Amino acid sequence: VPQLNDSYARDYYTGLIHERQGKARLIRNYPGARFD
């Protein structure tokens, strides 16, 4: 992310990374996944 030139892109893709990791945690459904 820090290599992206635009501050909007840095913030947007940081959000997207966290969103996709959050969805992945739900799918993998390990203990504590819903909190993560």
PDB file of all heavy atoms in Angstrom:
ATOM      1  N   VAL A   1       0.806  -1.223   0.000  1.00  0.00           N
ATOM      2  CA  VAL A   1       0.000   0.000   0.000  1.00  0.00           C
ATOM      3  C   VAL A   1       0.842   1.277   0.000  1.00  0.00           C
ATOM      4  O   VAL A   1       0.522   2.211  -0.745  1.00  0.00           O
ATOM      5  CB  VAL A   1      -1.009  -0.025   1.172  1.00  0.00           C
ATOM      6  CG1 VAL A   1      -1.685   1.326   1.346  1.00  0.00           C
ATOM      7  CG2 VAL A   1      -2.046  -1.121   0.941  1.00  0.00           C
ATOM      8  N   PRO A   2       1.917   1.384   0.792  1.00  0.00           N
ATOM      9  CA  PRO A   2       2.692   2.639   0.780  1.00  0.00           C
ATOM     10  C   PRO A   2       3.290   2.984  -0.583  1.00  0.00           C
ATOM     11  O   PRO A   2       3.648   4.137  -0.821  1.00  0.00           O
ATOM     12  CB  PRO A   2       3.800   2.396   1.808  1.00  0.00           C
ATOM     13  CG  PRO A   2       3.263   1.340   2.707  1.00  0.00           C
ATOM     14  CD  PRO A   2       2.398   0.476   1.830  1.00  0.00           C
ATOM     15  N   GLN A   3       3.372   2.011  -1.486  1.00  0.00           N
ATOM     16  CA  GLN A   3       3.918   2.275  -2.814  1.00  0.00           C
ATOM     17  C   GLN A   3       2.906   2.937  -3.746  1.00  0.00           C
ATOM     18  O   GLN A   3       3.267   3.400  -4.829  1.00  0.00           O
ATOM     19  CB  GLN A   3       4.421   0.975  -3.441  1.00  0.00           C
ATOM     20  CG  GLN A   3       5.561   0.346  -2.672  1.00  0.00           C
ATOM     21  CD  GLN A   3       5.954  -0.977  -3.284  1.00  0.00           C
ATOM     22  OE1 GLN A   3       6.261  -1.061  -4.462  1.00  0.00           O
ATOM     23  NE2 GLN A   3       5.937  -2.027  -2.477  1.00  0.00           N
ATOM     24  N   LEU A   4       1.635   2.962  -3.341  1.00  0.00           N
ATOM     25  CA  LEU A   4       0.616   3.626  -4.158  1.00  0.00           C
ATOM     26  C   LEU A   4       0.802   5.131  -4.045  1.00  0.00           C
ATOM     27  O   LEU A   4       1.003   5.667  -2.960  1.00  0.00           O
ATOM     28  CB  LEU A   4      -0.789   3.215  -3.693  1.00  0.00           C
ATOM     29  CG  LEU A   4      -1.118   1.725  -3.856  1.00  0.00           C
ATOM     30  CD1 LEU A   4      -2.469   1.400  -3.223  1.00  0.00           C
ATOM     31  CD2 LEU A   4      -1.093   1.312  -5.317  1.00  0.00           C
ATOM     32  N   ASN A   5       0.744   5.820  -5.175  1.00  0.00           N
ATOM     33  CA  ASN A   5       1.041   7.253  -5.224  1.00  0.00           C
ATOM     34  C   ASN A   5      -0.046   8.134  -4.639  1.00  0.00           C
ATOM     35  O   ASN A   5       0.221   9.224  -4.156  1.00  0.00           O
ATOM     36  CB  ASN A   5       1.287   7.693  -6.670  1.00  0.00           C
ATOM     37  CG  ASN A   5       2.538   7.095  -7.254  1.00  0.00           C
ATOM     38  OD1 ASN A   5       3.461   6.739  -6.538  1.00  0.00           O
ATOM     39  ND2 ASN A   5       2.566   6.984  -8.571  1.00  0.00           N
ATOM     40  N   ASP A   6      -1.267   7.702  -4.677  1.00  0.00           N
ATOM     41  CA  ASP A   6      -2.422   8.522  -4.338  1.00  0.00           C
ATOM     42  C   ASP A   6      -2.922   8.187  -2.930  1.00  0.00           C
ATOM     43  O   ASP A   6      -3.097   7.013  -2.596  1.00  0.00           O
ATOM     44  CB  ASP A   6      -3.500   8.237  -5.398  1.00  0.00           C
ATOM     45  CG  ASP A   6      -4.785   8.950  -5.153  1.00  0.00           C
ATOM     46  OD1 ASP A   6      -4.862  10.147  -5.465  1.00  0.00           O
ATOM     47  OD2 ASP A   6      -5.726   8.301  -4.659  1.00  0.00           O
ATOM     48  N   SER A   7      -3.174   9.200  -2.105  1.00  0.00           N
ATOM     49  CA  SER A   7      -3.628   8.946  -0.732  1.00  0.00           C
ATOM     50  C   SER A   7      -5.008   8.292  -0.710  1.00  0.00           C
ATOM     51  O   SER A   7      -5.288   7.459   0.142  1.00  0.00           O
ATOM     52  CB  SER A   7      -3.622  10.232   0.098  1.00  0.00           C
ATOM     53  OG  SER A   7      -4.514  11.178  -0.426  1.00  0.00           O
ATOM     54  N   TYR A   8      -5.881   8.674  -1.658  1.00  0.00           N
ATOM     55  CA  TYR A   8      -7.184   7.993  -1.743  1.00  0.00           C
ATOM     56  C   TYR A   8      -6.969   6.502  -1.972  1.00  0.00           C
ATOM     57  O   TYR A   8      -7.567   5.672  -1.285  1.00  0.00           O
ATOM     58  CB  TYR A   8      -8.048   8.569  -2.877  1.00  0.00           C
ATOM     59  CG  TYR A   8      -9.238   7.692  -3.179  1.00  0.00           C
ATOM     60  CD1 TYR A   8     -10.396   7.804  -2.434  1.00  0.00           C
ATOM     61  CD2 TYR A   8      -9.178   6.724  -4.182  1.00  0.00           C
ATOM     62  CE1 TYR A   8     -11.485   6.968  -2.675  1.00  0.00           C
ATOM     63  CE2 TYR A   8     -10.252   5.889  -4.437  1.00  0.00           C
ATOM     64  CZ  TYR A   8     -11.401   6.012  -3.671  1.00  0.00           C
ATOM     65  OH  TYR A   8     -12.470   5.170  -3.915  1.00  0.00           O
ATOM     66  N   ALA A   9      -6.121   6.149  -2.926  1.00  0.00           N
ATOM     67  CA  ALA A   9      -5.873   4.737  -3.237  1.00  0.00           C
ATOM     68  C   ALA A   9      -5.288   4.012  -2.027  1.00  0.00           C
ATOM     69  O   ALA A   9      -5.675   2.874  -1.735  1.00  0.00           O
ATOM     70  CB  ALA A   9      -4.938   4.604  -4.438  1.00  0.00           C
ATOM     71  N   ARG A  10      -4.377   4.650  -1.315  1.00  0.00           N
ATOM     72  CA  ARG A  10      -3.785   4.016  -0.127  1.00  0.00           C
ATOM     73  C   ARG A  10      -4.864   3.703   0.910  1.00  0.00           C
ATOM     74  O   ARG A  10      -4.911   2.607   1.449  1.00  0.00           O
ATOM     75  CB  ARG A  10      -2.688   4.892   0.468  1.00  0.00           C
ATOM     76  CG  ARG A  10      -1.413   4.917  -0.369  1.00  0.00           C
ATOM     77  CD  ARG A  10      -0.263   5.594   0.358  1.00  0.00           C
ATOM     78  NE  ARG A  10      -0.510   6.996   0.662  1.00  0.00           N
ATOM     79  CZ  ARG A  10      -0.245   8.008  -0.148  1.00  0.00           C
ATOM     80  NH1 ARG A  10       0.297   7.784  -1.343  1.00  0.00           N
ATOM     81  NH2 ARG A  10      -0.494   9.250   0.214  1.00  0.00           N
ATOM     82  N   ASP A  11      -5.747   4.668   1.160  1.00  0.00           N
ATOM     83  CA  ASP A  11      -6.812   4.440   2.149  1.00  0.00           C
ATOM     84  C   ASP A  11      -7.836   3.417   1.645  1.00  0.00           C
ATOM     85  O   ASP A  11      -8.252   2.517   2.378  1.00  0.00           O
ATOM     86  CB  ASP A  11      -7.512   5.761   2.482  1.00  0.00           C
ATOM     87  CG  ASP A  11      -6.614   6.720   3.243  1.00  0.00           C
ATOM     88  OD1 ASP A  11      -5.580   6.283   3.798  1.00  0.00           O
ATOM     89  OD2 ASP A  11      -6.942   7.920   3.282  1.00  0.00           O
ATOM     90  N   TYR A  12      -8.243   3.561   0.392  1.00  0.00           N
ATOM     91  CA  TYR A  12      -9.248   2.655  -0.180  1.00  0.00           C
ATOM     92  C   TYR A  12      -8.743   1.205  -0.185  1.00  0.00           C
ATOM     93  O   TYR A  12      -9.446   0.292   0.267  1.00  0.00           O
ATOM     94  CB  TYR A  12      -9.609   3.107  -1.600  1.00  0.00           C
ATOM     95  CG  TYR A  12     -10.539   2.149  -2.296  1.00  0.00           C
ATOM     96  CD1 TYR A  12     -11.901   2.158  -2.023  1.00  0.00           C
ATOM     97  CD2 TYR A  12     -10.057   1.223  -3.215  1.00  0.00           C
ATOM     98  CE1 TYR A  12     -12.766   1.265  -2.641  1.00  0.00           C
ATOM     99  CE2 TYR A  12     -10.902   0.338  -3.853  1.00  0.00           C
ATOM    100  CZ  TYR A  12     -12.255   0.357  -3.562  1.00  0.00           C
ATOM    101  OH  TYR A  12     -13.104  -0.529  -4.178  1.00  0.00           O
ATOM    102  N   TYR A  13      -7.528   0.985  -0.661  1.00  0.00           N
ATOM    103  CA  TYR A  13      -7.022  -0.394  -0.743  1.00  0.00           C
ATOM    104  C   TYR A  13      -6.672  -0.955   0.633  1.00  0.00           C
ATOM    105  O   TYR A  13      -6.786  -2.166   0.842  1.00  0.00           O
ATOM    106  CB  TYR A  13      -5.865  -0.510  -1.743  1.00  0.00           C
ATOM    107  CG  TYR A  13      -6.401  -0.438  -3.156  1.00  0.00           C
ATOM    108  CD1 TYR A  13      -6.239   0.701  -3.929  1.00  0.00           C
ATOM    109  CD2 TYR A  13      -7.134  -1.494  -3.691  1.00  0.00           C
ATOM    110  CE1 TYR A  13      -6.774   0.779  -5.201  1.00  0.00           C
ATOM    111  CE2 TYR A  13      -7.679  -1.418  -4.960  1.00  0.00           C
ATOM    112  CZ  TYR A  13      -7.501  -0.282  -5.715  1.00  0.00           C
ATOM    113  OH  TYR A  13      -8.056  -0.208  -6.971  1.00  0.00           O
ATOM    114  N   THR A  14      -6.313  -0.109   1.576  1.00  0.00           N
ATOM    115  CA  THR A  14      -6.137  -0.593   2.946  1.00  0.00           C
ATOM    116  C   THR A  14      -7.478  -1.106   3.469  1.00  0.00           C
ATOM    117  O   THR A  14      -7.548  -2.172   4.089  1.00  0.00           O
ATOM    118  CB  THR A  14      -5.577   0.516   3.858  1.00  0.00           C
ATOM    119  OG1 THR A  14      -4.301   0.917   3.357  1.00  0.00           O
ATOM    120  CG2 THR A  14      -5.420   0.032   5.291  1.00  0.00           C
ATOM    121  N   GLY A  15      -8.540  -0.366   3.205  1.00  0.00           N
ATOM    122  CA  GLY A  15      -9.877  -0.828   3.583  1.00  0.00           C
ATOM    123  C   GLY A  15     -10.242  -2.126   2.897  1.00  0.00           C
ATOM    124  O   GLY A  15     -10.751  -3.061   3.521  1.00  0.00           O
ATOM    125  N   LEU A  16      -9.968  -2.203   1.610  1.00  0.00           N
ATOM    126  CA  LEU A  16     -10.310  -3.401   0.843  1.00  0.00           C
ATOM    127  C   LEU A  16      -9.562  -4.640   1.361  1.00  0.00           C
ATOM    128  O   LEU A  16     -10.136  -5.727   1.466  1.00  0.00           O
ATOM    129  CB  LEU A  16     -10.005  -3.183  -0.636  1.00  0.00           C
ATOM    130  CG  LEU A  16     -10.541  -4.257  -1.571  1.00  0.00           C
ATOM    131  CD1 LEU A  16     -12.046  -4.110  -1.722  1.00  0.00           C
ATOM    132  CD2 LEU A  16      -9.868  -4.156  -2.917  1.00  0.00           C
ATOM    133  N   ILE A  17      -8.306  -4.469   1.700  1.00  0.00           N
ATOM    134  CA  ILE A  17      -7.513  -5.581   2.234  1.00  0.00           C
ATOM    135  C   ILE A  17      -8.133  -6.086   3.537  1.00  0.00           C
ATOM    136  O   ILE A  17      -8.317  -7.291   3.729  1.00  0.00           O
ATOM    137  CB  ILE A  17      -6.044  -5.145   2.441  1.00  0.00           C
ATOM    138  CG1 ILE A  17      -5.365  -4.896   1.092  1.00  0.00           C
ATOM    139  CG2 ILE A  17      -5.276  -6.185   3.264  1.00  0.00           C
ATOM    140  CD1 ILE A  17      -4.058  -4.108   1.182  1.00  0.00           C
ATOM    141  N   HIS A  18      -8.487  -5.165   4.421  1.00  0.00           N
ATOM    142  CA  HIS A  18      -9.094  -5.572   5.688  1.00  0.00           C
ATOM    143  C   HIS A  18     -10.470  -6.203   5.468  1.00  0.00           C
ATOM    144  O   HIS A  18     -10.819  -7.198   6.129  1.00  0.00           O
ATOM    145  CB  HIS A  18      -9.193  -4.376   6.641  1.00  0.00           C
ATOM    146  CG  HIS A  18      -7.875  -4.001   7.219  1.00  0.00           C
ATOM    147  ND1 HIS A  18      -7.066  -3.033   6.660  1.00  0.00           N
ATOM    148  CD2 HIS A  18      -7.201  -4.470   8.291  1.00  0.00           C
ATOM    149  CE1 HIS A  18      -5.970  -2.921   7.371  1.00  0.00           C
ATOM    150  NE2 HIS A  18      -6.018  -3.786   8.362  1.00  0.00           N
ATOM    151  N   GLU A  19     -11.246  -5.649   4.553  1.00  0.00           N
ATOM    152  CA  GLU A  19     -12.562  -6.224   4.259  1.00  0.00           C
ATOM    153  C   GLU A  19     -12.430  -7.660   3.764  1.00  0.00           C
ATOM    154  O   GLU A  19     -13.123  -8.565   4.237  1.00  0.00           O
ATOM    155  CB  GLU A  19     -13.286  -5.378   3.210  1.00  0.00           C
ATOM    156  CG  GLU A  19     -14.634  -5.960   2.801  1.00  0.00           C
ATOM    157  CD  GLU A  19     -15.306  -5.210   1.669  1.00  0.00           C
ATOM    158  OE1 GLU A  19     -14.783  -4.163   1.206  1.00  0.00           O
ATOM    159  OE2 GLU A  19     -16.379  -5.672   1.226  1.00  0.00           O
ATOM    160  N   ARG A  20     -11.549  -7.872   2.805  1.00  0.00           N
ATOM    161  CA  ARG A  20     -11.398  -9.218   2.243  1.00  0.00           C
ATOM    162  C   ARG A  20     -10.845 -10.209   3.267  1.00  0.00           C
ATOM    163  O   ARG A  20     -11.240 -11.367   3.292  1.00  0.00           O
ATOM    164  CB  ARG A  20     -10.529  -9.169   0.987  1.00  0.00           C
ATOM    165  CG  ARG A  20     -11.253  -8.531  -0.177  1.00  0.00           C
ATOM    166  CD  ARG A  20     -10.412  -8.511  -1.415  1.00  0.00           C
ATOM    167  NE  ARG A  20     -11.239  -8.197  -2.564  1.00  0.00           N
ATOM    168  CZ  ARG A  20     -10.880  -8.434  -3.803  1.00  0.00           C
ATOM    169  NH1 ARG A  20      -9.715  -8.994  -4.062  1.00  0.00           N
ATOM    170  NH2 ARG A  20     -11.678  -8.120  -4.793  1.00  0.00           N
ATOM    171  N   GLN A  21      -9.954  -9.752   4.132  1.00  0.00           N
ATOM    172  CA  GLN A  21      -9.445 -10.634   5.176  1.00  0.00           C
ATOM    173  C   GLN A  21     -10.558 -10.946   6.181  1.00  0.00           C
ATOM    174  O   GLN A  21     -10.680 -12.077   6.651  1.00  0.00           O
ATOM    175  CB  GLN A  21      -8.238 -10.013   5.869  1.00  0.00           C
ATOM    176  CG  GLN A  21      -7.549 -10.919   6.874  1.00  0.00           C
ATOM    177  CD  GLN A  21      -6.942 -12.159   6.274  1.00  0.00           C
ATOM    178  OE1 GLN A  21      -7.579 -13.203   6.253  1.00  0.00           O
ATOM    179  NE2 GLN A  21      -5.709 -12.073   5.809  1.00  0.00           N
ATOM    180  N   GLY A  22     -11.401  -9.961   6.490  1.00  0.00           N
ATOM    181  CA  GLY A  22     -12.535 -10.195   7.380  1.00  0.00           C
ATOM    182  C   GLY A  22     -13.494 -11.229   6.816  1.00  0.00           C
ATOM    183  O   GLY A  22     -13.942 -12.141   7.524  1.00  0.00           O
ATOM    184  N   LYS A  23     -13.812 -11.111   5.543  1.00  0.00           N
ATOM    185  CA  LYS A  23     -14.696 -12.087   4.894  1.00  0.00           C
ATOM    186  C   LYS A  23     -14.057 -13.477   4.895  1.00  0.00           C
ATOM    187  O   LYS A  23     -14.738 -14.490   5.097  1.00  0.00           O
ATOM    188  CB  LYS A  23     -14.987 -11.661   3.453  1.00  0.00           C
ATOM    189  CG  LYS A  23     -15.873 -10.456   3.323  1.00  0.00           C
ATOM    190  CD  LYS A  23     -15.999 -10.109   1.842  1.00  0.00           C
ATOM    191  CE  LYS A  23     -16.805  -8.888   1.569  1.00  0.00           C
ATOM    192  NZ  LYS A  23     -16.846  -8.577   0.123  1.00  0.00           N
ATOM    193  N   ALA A  24     -12.763 -13.518   4.669  1.00  0.00           N
ATOM    194  CA  ALA A  24     -12.052 -14.801   4.659  1.00  0.00           C
ATOM    195  C   ALA A  24     -12.113 -15.466   6.028  1.00  0.00           C
ATOM    196  O   ALA A  24     -12.254 -16.689   6.133  1.00  0.00           O
ATOM    197  CB  ALA A  24     -10.598 -14.603   4.229  1.00  0.00           C
ATOM    198  N   ARG A  25     -12.004 -14.672   7.076  1.00  0.00           N
ATOM    199  CA  ARG A  25     -12.069 -15.234   8.434  1.00  0.00           C
ATOM    200  C   ARG A  25     -13.433 -15.880   8.669  1.00  0.00           C
ATOM    201  O   ARG A  25     -13.530 -16.927   9.298  1.00  0.00           O
ATOM    202  CB  ARG A  25     -11.812 -14.155   9.482  1.00  0.00           C
ATOM    203  CG  ARG A  25     -10.478 -13.440   9.362  1.00  0.00           C
ATOM    204  CD  ARG A  25      -9.317 -14.312   9.806  1.00  0.00           C
ATOM    205  NE  ARG A  25      -8.036 -13.665   9.583  1.00  0.00           N
ATOM    206  CZ  ARG A  25      -7.289 -13.129  10.532  1.00  0.00           C
ATOM    207  NH1 ARG A  25      -7.688 -13.142  11.780  1.00  0.00           N
ATOM    208  NH2 ARG A  25      -6.133 -12.587  10.235  1.00  0.00           N
ATOM    209  N   LEU A  26     -14.487 -15.244   8.174  1.00  0.00           N
ATOM    210  CA  LEU A  26     -15.824 -15.829   8.325  1.00  0.00           C
ATOM    211  C   LEU A  26     -15.925 -17.169   7.605  1.00  0.00           C
ATOM    212  O   LEU A  26     -16.504 -18.122   8.121  1.00  0.00           O
ATOM    213  CB  LEU A  26     -16.888 -14.885   7.772  1.00  0.00           C
ATOM    214  CG  LEU A  26     -17.313 -13.744   8.666  1.00  0.00           C
ATOM    215  CD1 LEU A  26     -18.314 -12.854   7.944  1.00  0.00           C
ATOM    216  CD2 LEU A  26     -17.912 -14.258   9.962  1.00  0.00           C
ATOM    217  N   ILE A  27     -15.371 -17.249   6.429  1.00  0.00           N
ATOM    218  CA  ILE A  27     -15.444 -18.483   5.642  1.00  0.00           C
ATOM    219  C   ILE A  27     -14.653 -19.601   6.291  1.00  0.00           C
ATOM    220  O   ILE A  27     -15.097 -20.746   6.336  1.00  0.00           O
ATOM    221  CB  ILE A  27     -14.981 -18.221   4.192  1.00  0.00           C
ATOM    222  CG1 ILE A  27     -16.037 -17.370   3.486  1.00  0.00           C
ATOM    223  CG2 ILE A  27     -14.718 -19.519   3.440  1.00  0.00           C
ATOM    224  CD1 ILE A  27     -15.611 -16.836   2.155  1.00  0.00           C
ATOM    225  N   ARG A  28     -13.465 -19.279   6.818  1.00  0.00           N
ATOM    226  CA  ARG A  28     -12.631 -20.316   7.435  1.00  0.00           C
ATOM    227  C   ARG A  28     -13.199 -20.774   8.769  1.00  0.00           C
ATOM    228  O   ARG A  28     -12.941 -21.889   9.201  1.00  0.00           O
ATOM    229  CB  ARG A  28     -11.194 -19.836   7.556  1.00  0.00           C
ATOM    230  CG  ARG A  28     -10.523 -19.788   6.187  1.00  0.00           C
ATOM    231  CD  ARG A  28      -9.029 -19.784   6.265  1.00  0.00           C
ATOM    232  NE  ARG A  28      -8.478 -18.695   7.027  1.00  0.00           N
ATOM    233  CZ  ARG A  28      -8.166 -17.498   6.540  1.00  0.00           C
ATOM    234  NH1 ARG A  28      -8.372 -17.225   5.278  1.00  0.00           N
ATOM    235  NH2 ARG A  28      -7.652 -16.575   7.304  1.00  0.00           N
ATOM    236  N   ASN A  29     -13.949 -19.932   9.447  1.00  0.00           N
ATOM    237  CA  ASN A  29     -14.728 -20.294  10.623  1.00  0.00           C
ATOM    238  C   ASN A  29     -13.964 -21.077  11.693  1.00  0.00           C
ATOM    239  O   ASN A  29     -14.411 -22.110  12.155  1.00  0.00           O
ATOM    240  CB  ASN A  29     -15.985 -21.059  10.194  1.00  0.00           C
ATOM    241  CG  ASN A  29     -17.013 -21.100  11.300  1.00  0.00           C
ATOM    242  OD1 ASN A  29     -17.047 -20.230  12.166  1.00  0.00           O
ATOM    243  ND2 ASN A  29     -17.848 -22.118  11.287  1.00  0.00           N
ATOM    244  N   TYR A  30     -12.838 -20.591  12.112  1.00  0.00           N
ATOM    245  CA  TYR A  30     -12.077 -21.184  13.218  1.00  0.00           C
ATOM    246  C   TYR A  30     -12.553 -20.544  14.524  1.00  0.00           C
ATOM    247  O   TYR A  30     -13.294 -19.556  14.499  1.00  0.00           O
ATOM    248  CB  TYR A  30     -10.576 -20.943  12.995  1.00  0.00           C
ATOM    249  CG  TYR A  30     -10.243 -19.488  12.812  1.00  0.00           C
ATOM    250  CD1 TYR A  30     -10.007 -18.665  13.906  1.00  0.00           C
ATOM    251  CD2 TYR A  30     -10.193 -18.926  11.547  1.00  0.00           C
ATOM    252  CE1 TYR A  30      -9.744 -17.317  13.749  1.00  0.00           C
ATOM    253  CE2 TYR A  30      -9.922 -17.576  11.384  1.00  0.00           C
ATOM    254  CZ  TYR A  30      -9.702 -16.784  12.486  1.00  0.00           C
ATOM    255  OH  TYR A  30      -9.447 -15.454  12.333  1.00  0.00           O
ATOM    256  N   PRO A  31     -12.163 -21.061  15.689  1.00  0.00           N
ATOM    257  CA  PRO A  31     -12.574 -20.428  16.949  1.00  0.00           C
ATOM    258  C   PRO A  31     -12.101 -18.965  17.006  1.00  0.00           C
ATOM    259  O   PRO A  31     -10.930 -18.675  16.799  1.00  0.00           O
ATOM    260  CB  PRO A  31     -11.877 -21.268  18.021  1.00  0.00           C
ATOM    261  CG  PRO A  31     -11.671 -22.600  17.369  1.00  0.00           C
ATOM    262  CD  PRO A  31     -11.416 -22.306  15.907  1.00  0.00           C
ATOM    263  N   GLY A  32     -13.012 -18.063  17.247  1.00  0.00           N
ATOM    264  CA  GLY A  32     -12.703 -16.636  17.304  1.00  0.00           C
ATOM    265  C   GLY A  32     -12.795 -15.926  15.962  1.00  0.00           C
ATOM    266  O   GLY A  32     -12.597 -14.711  15.885  1.00  0.00           O
ATOM    267  N   ALA A  33     -13.106 -16.655  14.908  1.00  0.00           N
ATOM    268  CA  ALA A  33     -13.143 -16.068  13.564  1.00  0.00           C
ATOM    269  C   ALA A  33     -14.176 -14.949  13.457  1.00  0.00           C
ATOM    270  O   ALA A  33     -13.932 -13.939  12.790  1.00  0.00           O
ATOM    271  CB  ALA A  33     -13.430 -17.143  12.520  1.00  0.00           C
ATOM    272  N   ARG A  34     -15.308 -15.116  14.108  1.00  0.00           N
ATOM    273  CA  ARG A  34     -16.359 -14.096  14.009  1.00  0.00           C
ATOM    274  C   ARG A  34     -15.920 -12.786  14.671  1.00  0.00           C
ATOM    275  O   ARG A  34     -16.230 -11.712  14.192  1.00  0.00           O
ATOM    276  CB  ARG A  34     -17.660 -14.633  14.605  1.00  0.00           C
ATOM    277  CG  ARG A  34     -18.209 -15.820  13.769  1.00  0.00           C
ATOM    278  CD  ARG A  34     -19.444 -16.436  14.400  1.00  0.00           C
ATOM    279  NE  ARG A  34     -20.532 -15.491  14.516  1.00  0.00           N
ATOM    280  CZ  ARG A  34     -21.321 -15.089  13.518  1.00  0.00           C
ATOM    281  NH1 ARG A  34     -21.128 -15.572  12.304  1.00  0.00           N
ATOM    282  NH2 ARG A  34     -22.295 -14.228  13.722  1.00  0.00           N
ATOM    283  N   PHE A  35     -15.176 -12.880  15.773  1.00  0.00           N
ATOM    284  CA  PHE A  35     -14.644 -11.675  16.421  1.00  0.00           C
ATOM    285  C   PHE A  35     -13.587 -11.026  15.531  1.00  0.00           C
ATOM    286  O   PHE A  35     -13.558  -9.805  15.371  1.00  0.00           O
ATOM    287  CB  PHE A  35     -14.043 -11.997  17.787  1.00  0.00           C
ATOM    288  CG  PHE A  35     -15.044 -12.532  18.779  1.00  0.00           C
ATOM    289  CD1 PHE A  35     -14.772 -13.691  19.476  1.00  0.00           C
ATOM    290  CD2 PHE A  35     -16.248 -11.884  19.017  1.00  0.00           C
ATOM    291  CE1 PHE A  35     -15.677 -14.191  20.398  1.00  0.00           C
ATOM    292  CE2 PHE A  35     -17.159 -12.384  19.946  1.00  0.00           C
ATOM    293  CZ  PHE A  35     -16.875 -13.540  20.634  1.00  0.00           C
ATOM    294  N   ASP A  36     -12.706 -11.862  14.972  1.00  0.00           N
ATOM    295  CA  ASP A  36     -11.681 -11.336  14.064  1.00  0.00           C
ATOM    296  C   ASP A  36     -12.337 -10.642  12.876  1.00  0.00           C
ATOM    297  O   ASP A  36     -11.911  -9.559  12.465  1.00  0.00           O
ATOM    298  CB  ASP A  36     -10.762 -12.456  13.557  1.00  0.00           C
ATOM    299  CG  ASP A  36      -9.853 -13.014  14.630  1.00  0.00           C
ATOM    300  OD1 ASP A  36      -9.780 -12.425  15.730  1.00  0.00           O
ATOM    301  OD2 ASP A  36      -9.206 -14.041  14.357  1.00  0.00           O
TER     302      ASP A  36
END
